[in-house]
Amino acid sequence: MVILDHIQKIFHQDTPNENQALNNLSLKIEDGDFITVIGSNGAGKSTMLNAMAGVFPINKGKIVLDGKDITNLAEHKRAAFIGRVFQDPMLGTSPSMTIEENLSMAYARPRNMSLHWGLDFYRRKIFKDYLKDIPLGLENRLSTKVKLLSGGQRQSLTLIMATMKKPKLLLLDEHTAALDPKTAILVNNLTQKIVYKNKITTIMVTHNLEHAIKMGNRLIMMHKGNIVMDIKGEEKSTMTIPRLLNKFEQLQGEKFVDDRVMLA
C-alpha cells in the first residue's frame, strides 16, 4: 500500500542549524497494516508522518501510495485519500461550526459537496450512526458548536471525520497524548474499532510503550531519522516493555532516552 524509498529530509540545510530529520529511511507498508511507531527524542517520527502527508517536500527519495508516486503531490490533494488526527484536539475540526457541519464537510470531502446538500435528513441519520460508536452522547448534540466540546469529545469527532470516507492511509500523530488516561483509553478503543472494522492502513505515533505493544500488528522503532526495529507477528504478540528496551540497547549500544515516554 505504501512505500517509502530512501527518503531524506534535512531542515535548515547548509546553515549552522542543519538537522537531518530523516536519514535515507525506507519502509514498506502492506495493505491493512496497523503500525505503531515509537522512538527517542528527535527520532523523526512526526517528520515521517508529515512527509507522507505532504506537509513539506523531501530532499531525496520517493513516496508511493497504492501504486501511485505521490512524492511531488501537494498536501491538499493528498488530503483526499489520507486521513490525519493530530495531538492537539483543537486541530482537525472547525470550532465555530456545529458537529453536523464539521461532519458534513468531512463526508463531502472527496466529492467537494456543498454544506447545503450535506445537511439533509439522510445525512443527519448517517452522522448519528457514526457517532453512536462513541459513548459520549454526541449523536444527540449535532447542532452543538464544536468549541463547546471537551478535548476527548473533539478528538473522537476528529477521528470519525478522518475515517468516515475510509482513507487509503490514516496517520495518527500522538492523538491521545493530550487526553487524560480514561479518555485516552476510550479514544484508543474507538481507534481500534474503526481501523479493524474498515481495514484501514494506519500508522500511529505514540510515546506510550504499552499502547505501542498492545495495539496494531506491527511496531517500528525509530532512532536518529531511521528505522532500527520492525517487530511483527509472534515477536510482537509476546513483546514486553523490558524486552523492547533491552533490544534497543543491544542494537544501538545506548539506552532508550525520551523525556516524554510513558511505560504504562
C-alpha atoms as a PDB file:
ATOM      1  CA  MET A   1       0.000   0.000   0.000  1.00  0.00           C
ATOM      2  CA  VAL A   2       2.780   2.467   0.922  1.00  0.00           C
ATOM      3  CA  ILE A   3       6.455   2.525   0.008  1.00  0.00           C
ATOM      4  CA  LEU A   4       8.947   4.987   1.463  1.00  0.00           C
ATOM      5  CA  ASP A   5      12.035   4.616  -0.691  1.00  0.00           C
ATOM      6  CA  HIS A   6      15.214   6.071   0.858  1.00  0.00           C
ATOM      7  CA  ILE A   7      13.547   9.332   1.845  1.00  0.00           C
ATOM      8  CA  GLN A   8      15.658  12.099   3.296  1.00  0.00           C
ATOM      9  CA  LYS A   9      14.571  15.302   4.986  1.00  0.00           C
ATOM     10  CA  ILE A  10      17.021  17.980   6.048  1.00  0.00           C
ATOM     11  CA  PHE A  11      15.788  21.099   7.808  1.00  0.00           C
ATOM     12  CA  HIS A  12      17.796  24.350   7.598  1.00  0.00           C
ATOM     13  CA  GLN A  13      20.215  22.790   5.118  1.00  0.00           C
ATOM     14  CA  ASP A  14      23.635  24.435   4.785  1.00  0.00           C
ATOM     15  CA  THR A  15      23.142  26.523   7.915  1.00  0.00           C
ATOM     16  CA  PRO A  16      24.536  26.182  11.468  1.00  0.00           C
ATOM     17  CA  ASN A  17      21.112  24.771  12.470  1.00  0.00           C
ATOM     18  CA  GLU A  18      21.093  21.986   9.874  1.00  0.00           C
ATOM     19  CA  ASN A  19      19.116  18.966  11.076  1.00  0.00           C
ATOM     20  CA  GLN A  20      18.794  15.699   9.175  1.00  0.00           C
ATOM     21  CA  ALA A  21      15.438  14.519  10.460  1.00  0.00           C
ATOM     22  CA  LEU A  22      15.077  11.540   8.089  1.00  0.00           C
ATOM     23  CA  ASN A  23      18.185   9.657   7.030  1.00  0.00           C
ATOM     24  CA  ASN A  24      17.538   7.599   3.868  1.00  0.00           C
ATOM     25  CA  LEU A  25      14.557   5.976   5.550  1.00  0.00           C
ATOM     26  CA  SER A  26      12.879   3.060   3.765  1.00  0.00           C
ATOM     27  CA  LEU A  27       9.644   1.336   4.791  1.00  0.00           C
ATOM     28  CA  LYS A  28       7.161  -0.930   3.054  1.00  0.00           C
ATOM     29  CA  ILE A  29       3.624  -0.894   4.466  1.00  0.00           C
ATOM     30  CA  GLU A  30       1.215  -3.646   3.484  1.00  0.00           C
ATOM     31  CA  ASP A  31      -2.476  -3.095   2.828  1.00  0.00           C
ATOM     32  CA  GLY A  32      -4.307  -3.261   6.165  1.00  0.00           C
ATOM     33  CA  ASP A  33      -1.201  -2.849   8.341  1.00  0.00           C
ATOM     34  CA  PHE A  34      -1.739  -1.084  11.668  1.00  0.00           C
ATOM     35  CA  ILE A  35       1.724   0.136  12.610  1.00  0.00           C
ATOM     36  CA  THR A  36       2.594   1.760  15.928  1.00  0.00           C
ATOM     37  CA  VAL A  37       5.683   3.983  15.911  1.00  0.00           C
ATOM     38  CA  ILE A  38       7.907   4.795  18.871  1.00  0.00           C
ATOM     39  CA  GLY A  39      11.302   6.433  19.123  1.00  0.00           C
ATOM     40  CA  SER A  40      13.639   8.549  21.179  1.00  0.00           C
ATOM     41  CA  ASN A  41      13.674  12.355  21.223  1.00  0.00           C
ATOM     42  CA  GLY A  42      14.090  13.751  17.714  1.00  0.00           C
ATOM     43  CA  ALA A  43      13.917  10.307  16.109  1.00  0.00           C
ATOM     44  CA  GLY A  44      11.904  11.624  13.153  1.00  0.00           C
ATOM     45  CA  LYS A  45       8.512  10.082  13.944  1.00  0.00           C
ATOM     46  CA  SER A  46       6.342  13.112  13.237  1.00  0.00           C
ATOM     47  CA  THR A  47       8.599  14.150  10.361  1.00  0.00           C
ATOM     48  CA  MET A  48       7.937  10.799   8.684  1.00  0.00           C
ATOM     49  CA  LEU A  49       4.166  11.285   9.010  1.00  0.00           C
ATOM     50  CA  ASN A  50       4.400  14.851   7.721  1.00  0.00           C
ATOM     51  CA  ALA A  51       6.445  13.676   4.746  1.00  0.00           C
ATOM     52  CA  MET A  52       3.747  11.155   3.849  1.00  0.00           C
ATOM     53  CA  ALA A  53       1.031  13.799   4.261  1.00  0.00           C
ATOM     54  CA  GLY A  54       2.911  16.231   2.026  1.00  0.00           C
ATOM     55  CA  VAL A  55       3.387  18.946   4.648  1.00  0.00           C
ATOM     56  CA  PHE A  56       6.834  19.696   3.215  1.00  0.00           C
ATOM     57  CA  PRO A  57       8.922  18.444   0.275  1.00  0.00           C
ATOM     58  CA  ILE A  58      11.528  15.790   0.950  1.00  0.00           C
ATOM     59  CA  ASN A  59      15.127  16.301  -0.144  1.00  0.00           C
ATOM     60  CA  LYS A  60      15.607  12.855  -1.634  1.00  0.00           C
ATOM     61  CA  GLY A  61      13.736   9.604  -2.152  1.00  0.00           C
ATOM     62  CA  LYS A  62      10.276   8.583  -3.275  1.00  0.00           C
ATOM     63  CA  ILE A  63       6.865   8.077  -1.681  1.00  0.00           C
ATOM     64  CA  VAL A  64       4.429   5.674  -3.336  1.00  0.00           C
ATOM     65  CA  LEU A  65       0.832   5.120  -2.198  1.00  0.00           C
ATOM     66  CA  ASP A  66      -1.345   2.403  -3.736  1.00  0.00           C
ATOM     67  CA  GLY A  67       0.946   2.180  -6.761  1.00  0.00           C
ATOM     68  CA  LYS A  68       0.973   5.941  -7.407  1.00  0.00           C
ATOM     69  CA  ASP A  69       4.058   8.131  -6.940  1.00  0.00           C
ATOM     70  CA  ILE A  70       2.878  10.981  -4.685  1.00  0.00           C
ATOM     71  CA  THR A  71       6.329  12.394  -3.891  1.00  0.00           C
ATOM     72  CA  ASN A  72       5.549  15.744  -5.509  1.00  0.00           C
ATOM     73  CA  LEU A  73       1.791  15.778  -4.913  1.00  0.00           C
ATOM     74  CA  ALA A  74       0.534  18.800  -2.951  1.00  0.00           C
ATOM     75  CA  GLU A  75      -0.709  18.334   0.612  1.00  0.00           C
ATOM     76  CA  HIS A  76      -4.288  19.418  -0.150  1.00  0.00           C
ATOM     77  CA  LYS A  77      -4.504  16.838  -2.942  1.00  0.00           C
ATOM     78  CA  ARG A  78      -3.207  14.049  -0.697  1.00  0.00           C
ATOM     79  CA  ALA A  79      -5.868  15.010   1.860  1.00  0.00           C
ATOM     80  CA  ALA A  80      -8.481  13.441  -0.430  1.00  0.00           C
ATOM     81  CA  PHE A  81      -7.139   9.972   0.400  1.00  0.00           C
ATOM     82  CA  ILE A  82      -5.039  10.443   3.564  1.00  0.00           C
ATOM     83  CA  GLY A  83      -6.778  10.936   6.923  1.00  0.00           C
ATOM     84  CA  ARG A  84      -4.984  12.628   9.812  1.00  0.00           C
ATOM     85  CA  VAL A  85      -5.566  13.100  13.528  1.00  0.00           C
ATOM     86  CA  PHE A  86      -3.192  15.382  15.411  1.00  0.00           C
ATOM     87  CA  GLN A  87      -2.023  15.539  19.010  1.00  0.00           C
ATOM     88  CA  ASP A  88      -3.848  18.809  19.654  1.00  0.00           C
ATOM     89  CA  PRO A  89      -7.635  18.264  19.898  1.00  0.00           C
ATOM     90  CA  MET A  90      -8.075  21.850  18.659  1.00  0.00           C
ATOM     91  CA  LEU A  91      -6.798  20.825  15.229  1.00  0.00           C
ATOM     92  CA  GLY A  92      -8.817  18.823  12.725  1.00  0.00           C
ATOM     93  CA  THR A  93     -12.161  20.500  13.405  1.00  0.00           C
ATOM     94  CA  SER A  94     -13.666  23.955  12.909  1.00  0.00           C
ATOM     95  CA  PRO A  95     -14.623  25.216  16.406  1.00  0.00           C
ATOM     96  CA  SER A  96     -17.109  27.836  15.215  1.00  0.00           C
ATOM     97  CA  MET A  97     -19.121  25.254  13.262  1.00  0.00           C
ATOM     98  CA  THR A  98     -21.515  22.667  14.655  1.00  0.00           C
ATOM     99  CA  ILE A  99     -20.849  18.946  14.943  1.00  0.00           C
ATOM    100  CA  GLU A 100     -23.059  18.199  11.940  1.00  0.00           C
ATOM    101  CA  GLU A 101     -21.412  20.912   9.842  1.00  0.00           C
ATOM    102  CA  ASN A 102     -17.966  19.511  10.583  1.00  0.00           C
ATOM    103  CA  LEU A 103     -19.133  16.005   9.744  1.00  0.00           C
ATOM    104  CA  SER A 104     -20.778  17.252   6.565  1.00  0.00           C
ATOM    105  CA  MET A 105     -17.500  18.750   5.351  1.00  0.00           C
ATOM    106  CA  ALA A 106     -15.660  15.501   6.067  1.00  0.00           C
ATOM    107  CA  TYR A 107     -18.376  13.423   4.419  1.00  0.00           C
ATOM    108  CA  ALA A 108     -18.378  15.575   1.294  1.00  0.00           C
ATOM    109  CA  ARG A 109     -14.597  15.952   1.039  1.00  0.00           C
ATOM    110  CA  PRO A 110     -13.936  13.510  -1.830  1.00  0.00           C
ATOM    111  CA  ARG A 111     -16.815  14.960  -3.873  1.00  0.00           C
ATOM    112  CA  ASN A 112     -16.394  18.638  -2.942  1.00  0.00           C
ATOM    113  CA  MET A 113     -20.090  18.801  -1.995  1.00  0.00           C
ATOM    114  CA  SER A 114     -21.573  21.984  -0.530  1.00  0.00           C
ATOM    115  CA  LEU A 115     -22.798  22.300   3.059  1.00  0.00           C
ATOM    116  CA  HIS A 116     -26.367  22.856   1.886  1.00  0.00           C
ATOM    117  CA  TRP A 117     -26.587  19.446   0.269  1.00  0.00           C
ATOM    118  CA  GLY A 118     -24.653  17.818   3.094  1.00  0.00           C
ATOM    119  CA  LEU A 119     -27.143  18.647   5.837  1.00  0.00           C
ATOM    120  CA  ASP A 120     -30.322  16.919   4.739  1.00  0.00           C
ATOM    121  CA  PHE A 121     -32.259  14.350   6.786  1.00  0.00           C
ATOM    122  CA  TYR A 122     -30.416  11.424   5.203  1.00  0.00           C
ATOM    123  CA  ARG A 123     -27.006  12.863   6.082  1.00  0.00           C
ATOM    124  CA  ARG A 124     -28.019  13.566   9.678  1.00  0.00           C
ATOM    125  CA  LYS A 125     -29.088   9.952  10.090  1.00  0.00           C
ATOM    126  CA  ILE A 126     -25.711   8.796   8.777  1.00  0.00           C
ATOM    127  CA  PHE A 127     -23.902  11.138  11.159  1.00  0.00           C
ATOM    128  CA  LYS A 128     -25.881   9.853  14.138  1.00  0.00           C
ATOM    129  CA  ASP A 129     -24.999   6.274  13.207  1.00  0.00           C
ATOM    130  CA  TYR A 130     -21.297   7.162  13.140  1.00  0.00           C
ATOM    131  CA  LEU A 131     -21.453   8.996  16.462  1.00  0.00           C
ATOM    132  CA  LYS A 132     -23.248   6.154  18.231  1.00  0.00           C
ATOM    133  CA  ASP A 133     -19.885   4.341  18.267  1.00  0.00           C
ATOM    134  CA  ILE A 134     -18.675   6.954  20.735  1.00  0.00           C
ATOM    135  CA  PRO A 135     -20.198   6.558  24.232  1.00  0.00           C
ATOM    136  CA  LEU A 136     -20.317  10.327  24.718  1.00  0.00           C
ATOM    137  CA  GLY A 137     -23.834  11.148  23.548  1.00  0.00           C
ATOM    138  CA  LEU A 138     -22.678  13.265  20.608  1.00  0.00           C
ATOM    139  CA  GLU A 139     -25.346  11.758  18.339  1.00  0.00           C
ATOM    140  CA  ASN A 140     -27.883  13.846  20.263  1.00  0.00           C
ATOM    141  CA  ARG A 141     -25.869  17.068  20.002  1.00  0.00           C
ATOM    142  CA  LEU A 142     -25.497  17.553  16.242  1.00  0.00           C
ATOM    143  CA  SER A 143     -26.305  21.273  16.438  1.00  0.00           C
ATOM    144  CA  THR A 144     -23.741  21.946  19.207  1.00  0.00           C
ATOM    145  CA  LYS A 145     -20.752  24.151  18.354  1.00  0.00           C
ATOM    146  CA  VAL A 146     -17.543  22.115  18.395  1.00  0.00           C
ATOM    147  CA  LYS A 147     -15.795  24.750  20.555  1.00  0.00           C
ATOM    148  CA  LEU A 148     -18.092  23.695  23.431  1.00  0.00           C
ATOM    149  CA  LEU A 149     -16.846  20.098  23.392  1.00  0.00           C
ATOM    150  CA  SER A 150     -14.202  18.645  25.685  1.00  0.00           C
ATOM    151  CA  GLY A 151     -10.797  17.598  24.356  1.00  0.00           C
ATOM    152  CA  GLY A 152     -11.788  13.940  24.305  1.00  0.00           C
ATOM    153  CA  GLN A 153     -15.049  14.666  22.516  1.00  0.00           C
ATOM    154  CA  ARG A 154     -13.266  16.755  19.892  1.00  0.00           C
ATOM    155  CA  GLN A 155     -10.591  14.138  19.344  1.00  0.00           C
ATOM    156  CA  SER A 156     -13.232  11.429  18.964  1.00  0.00           C
ATOM    157  CA  LEU A 157     -15.078  13.618  16.469  1.00  0.00           C
ATOM    158  CA  THR A 158     -11.858  14.275  14.556  1.00  0.00           C
ATOM    159  CA  LEU A 159     -11.208  10.539  14.358  1.00  0.00           C
ATOM    160  CA  ILE A 160     -14.702   9.945  12.961  1.00  0.00           C
ATOM    161  CA  MET A 161     -14.192  12.739  10.423  1.00  0.00           C
ATOM    162  CA  ALA A 162     -10.806  11.389   9.326  1.00  0.00           C
ATOM    163  CA  THR A 163     -12.137   7.877   8.715  1.00  0.00           C
ATOM    164  CA  MET A 164     -15.799   8.166   7.679  1.00  0.00           C
ATOM    165  CA  LYS A 165     -14.896   8.016   3.972  1.00  0.00           C
ATOM    166  CA  LYS A 166     -12.299   5.265   4.508  1.00  0.00           C
ATOM    167  CA  PRO A 167      -8.988   6.865   3.550  1.00  0.00           C
ATOM    168  CA  LYS A 168      -6.289   4.826   1.847  1.00  0.00           C
ATOM    169  CA  LEU A 169      -3.985   5.776   4.728  1.00  0.00           C
ATOM    170  CA  LEU A 170      -4.672   7.027   8.266  1.00  0.00           C
ATOM    171  CA  LEU A 171      -1.960   8.961  10.121  1.00  0.00           C
ATOM    172  CA  LEU A 172      -2.306   9.328  13.905  1.00  0.00           C
ATOM    173  CA  ASP A 173       0.293  11.635  15.439  1.00  0.00           C
ATOM    174  CA  GLU A 174       0.138  11.050  19.211  1.00  0.00           C
ATOM    175  CA  HIS A 175      -3.604  11.556  19.020  1.00  0.00           C
ATOM    176  CA  THR A 176      -4.210  10.617  22.680  1.00  0.00           C
ATOM    177  CA  ALA A 177      -1.192  12.357  24.243  1.00  0.00           C
ATOM    178  CA  ALA A 178      -3.136  15.459  25.314  1.00  0.00           C
ATOM    179  CA  LEU A 179      -6.008  13.496  26.864  1.00  0.00           C
ATOM    180  CA  ASP A 180      -6.480  12.250  30.404  1.00  0.00           C
ATOM    181  CA  PRO A 181      -5.825   8.487  30.859  1.00  0.00           C
ATOM    182  CA  LYS A 182      -9.506   7.490  30.950  1.00  0.00           C
ATOM    183  CA  THR A 183     -10.360   9.446  27.799  1.00  0.00           C
ATOM    184  CA  ALA A 184      -7.186   8.206  26.084  1.00  0.00           C
ATOM    185  CA  ILE A 185      -8.365   4.621  26.593  1.00  0.00           C
ATOM    186  CA  LEU A 186     -11.772   5.496  25.119  1.00  0.00           C
ATOM    187  CA  VAL A 187     -10.195   7.101  22.031  1.00  0.00           C
ATOM    188  CA  ASN A 188      -7.748   4.209  21.603  1.00  0.00           C
ATOM    189  CA  ASN A 189     -10.584   1.691  21.785  1.00  0.00           C
ATOM    190  CA  LEU A 190     -12.533   3.710  19.215  1.00  0.00           C
ATOM    191  CA  THR A 191      -9.421   3.845  17.030  1.00  0.00           C
ATOM    192  CA  GLN A 192      -9.010   0.082  17.042  1.00  0.00           C
ATOM    193  CA  LYS A 193     -12.707  -0.495  16.378  1.00  0.00           C
ATOM    194  CA  ILE A 194     -12.733   1.830  13.359  1.00  0.00           C
ATOM    195  CA  VAL A 195      -9.405   0.663  11.923  1.00  0.00           C
ATOM    196  CA  TYR A 196     -10.188  -3.043  12.139  1.00  0.00           C
ATOM    197  CA  LYS A 197     -13.817  -2.726  11.053  1.00  0.00           C
ATOM    198  CA  ASN A 198     -12.893  -0.773   7.922  1.00  0.00           C
ATOM    199  CA  LYS A 199      -9.480  -2.405   7.371  1.00  0.00           C
ATOM    200  CA  ILE A 200      -7.752   0.978   7.146  1.00  0.00           C
ATOM    201  CA  THR A 201      -3.988   1.023   6.682  1.00  0.00           C
ATOM    202  CA  THR A 202      -2.823   3.005   9.718  1.00  0.00           C
ATOM    203  CA  ILE A 203       0.343   4.478  11.207  1.00  0.00           C
ATOM    204  CA  MET A 204       0.143   5.647  14.819  1.00  0.00           C
ATOM    205  CA  VAL A 205       2.925   7.555  16.574  1.00  0.00           C
ATOM    206  CA  THR A 206       2.827   7.184  20.348  1.00  0.00           C
ATOM    207  CA  HIS A 207       5.012   7.791  23.397  1.00  0.00           C
ATOM    208  CA  ASN A 208       3.127   5.188  25.389  1.00  0.00           C
ATOM    209  CA  LEU A 209       5.095   1.942  25.088  1.00  0.00           C
ATOM    210  CA  GLU A 210       2.231  -0.136  26.461  1.00  0.00           C
ATOM    211  CA  HIS A 211      -0.103   1.156  23.744  1.00  0.00           C
ATOM    212  CA  ALA A 212       2.580   0.612  21.111  1.00  0.00           C
ATOM    213  CA  ILE A 213       2.949  -3.034  22.098  1.00  0.00           C
ATOM    214  CA  LYS A 214      -0.745  -3.843  22.542  1.00  0.00           C
ATOM    215  CA  MET A 215      -2.148  -2.023  19.522  1.00  0.00           C
ATOM    216  CA  GLY A 216      -1.661  -2.882  15.858  1.00  0.00           C
ATOM    217  CA  ASN A 217       0.053  -5.750  14.072  1.00  0.00           C
ATOM    218  CA  ARG A 218       3.481  -4.109  13.623  1.00  0.00           C
ATOM    219  CA  LEU A 219       5.700  -1.958  15.806  1.00  0.00           C
ATOM    220  CA  ILE A 220       8.574   0.077  14.440  1.00  0.00           C
ATOM    221  CA  MET A 221      11.144   1.962  16.488  1.00  0.00           C
ATOM    222  CA  MET A 222      12.901   4.976  15.031  1.00  0.00           C
ATOM    223  CA  HIS A 223      16.225   6.469  16.068  1.00  0.00           C
ATOM    224  CA  LYS A 224      18.171   9.348  14.532  1.00  0.00           C
ATOM    225  CA  GLY A 225      15.992   9.528  11.440  1.00  0.00           C
ATOM    226  CA  ASN A 226      15.847   5.866  10.586  1.00  0.00           C
ATOM    227  CA  ILE A 227      14.058   2.646  11.491  1.00  0.00           C
ATOM    228  CA  VAL A 228      16.078   0.445  13.837  1.00  0.00           C
ATOM    229  CA  MET A 229      13.400  -2.133  14.687  1.00  0.00           C
ATOM    230  CA  ASP A 230      10.435  -3.618  12.831  1.00  0.00           C
ATOM    231  CA  ILE A 231       8.552  -6.061  15.064  1.00  0.00           C
ATOM    232  CA  LYS A 232       5.588  -8.104  13.898  1.00  0.00           C
ATOM    233  CA  GLY A 233       3.901 -11.492  14.199  1.00  0.00           C
ATOM    234  CA  GLU A 234       4.623 -13.693  17.200  1.00  0.00           C
ATOM    235  CA  GLU A 235       7.522 -11.497  18.304  1.00  0.00           C
ATOM    236  CA  LYS A 236       5.172  -8.535  18.733  1.00  0.00           C
ATOM    237  CA  SER A 237       2.406 -10.536  20.388  1.00  0.00           C
ATOM    238  CA  THR A 238       4.841 -11.718  23.081  1.00  0.00           C
ATOM    239  CA  MET A 239       6.830  -8.489  23.400  1.00  0.00           C
ATOM    240  CA  THR A 240       7.149  -6.760  26.772  1.00  0.00           C
ATOM    241  CA  ILE A 241       8.408  -3.281  27.629  1.00  0.00           C
ATOM    242  CA  PRO A 242      11.613  -4.512  29.353  1.00  0.00           C
ATOM    243  CA  ARG A 243      12.436  -6.752  26.372  1.00  0.00           C
ATOM    244  CA  LEU A 244      11.767  -3.912  23.946  1.00  0.00           C
ATOM    245  CA  LEU A 245      14.057  -1.503  25.792  1.00  0.00           C
ATOM    246  CA  ASN A 246      16.723  -4.172  26.180  1.00  0.00           C
ATOM    247  CA  LYS A 247      16.621  -4.971  22.460  1.00  0.00           C
ATOM    248  CA  PHE A 248      17.061  -1.305  21.606  1.00  0.00           C
ATOM    249  CA  GLU A 249      20.060  -1.047  23.934  1.00  0.00           C
ATOM    250  CA  GLN A 250      21.661  -4.129  22.382  1.00  0.00           C
ATOM    251  CA  LEU A 251      21.132  -2.860  18.831  1.00  0.00           C
ATOM    252  CA  GLN A 252      22.193   0.747  19.386  1.00  0.00           C
ATOM    253  CA  GLY A 253      24.693   0.417  22.211  1.00  0.00           C
ATOM    254  CA  GLU A 254      22.867   3.081  24.221  1.00  0.00           C
ATOM    255  CA  LYS A 255      19.825   3.405  26.434  1.00  0.00           C
ATOM    256  CA  PHE A 256      16.450   4.488  25.069  1.00  0.00           C
ATOM    257  CA  VAL A 257      16.049   8.090  26.188  1.00  0.00           C
ATOM    258  CA  ASP A 258      12.835  10.052  25.803  1.00  0.00           C
ATOM    259  CA  ASP A 259      11.677  12.505  28.455  1.00  0.00           C
ATOM    260  CA  ARG A 260       8.070  12.070  27.316  1.00  0.00           C
ATOM    261  CA  VAL A 261       7.941   8.287  27.207  1.00  0.00           C
ATOM    262  CA  MET A 262       5.221   6.504  29.156  1.00  0.00           C
ATOM    263  CA  LEU A 263       5.894   2.935  30.199  1.00  0.00           C
ATOM    264  CA  ALA A 264       2.247   2.295  31.045  1.00  0.00           C
END
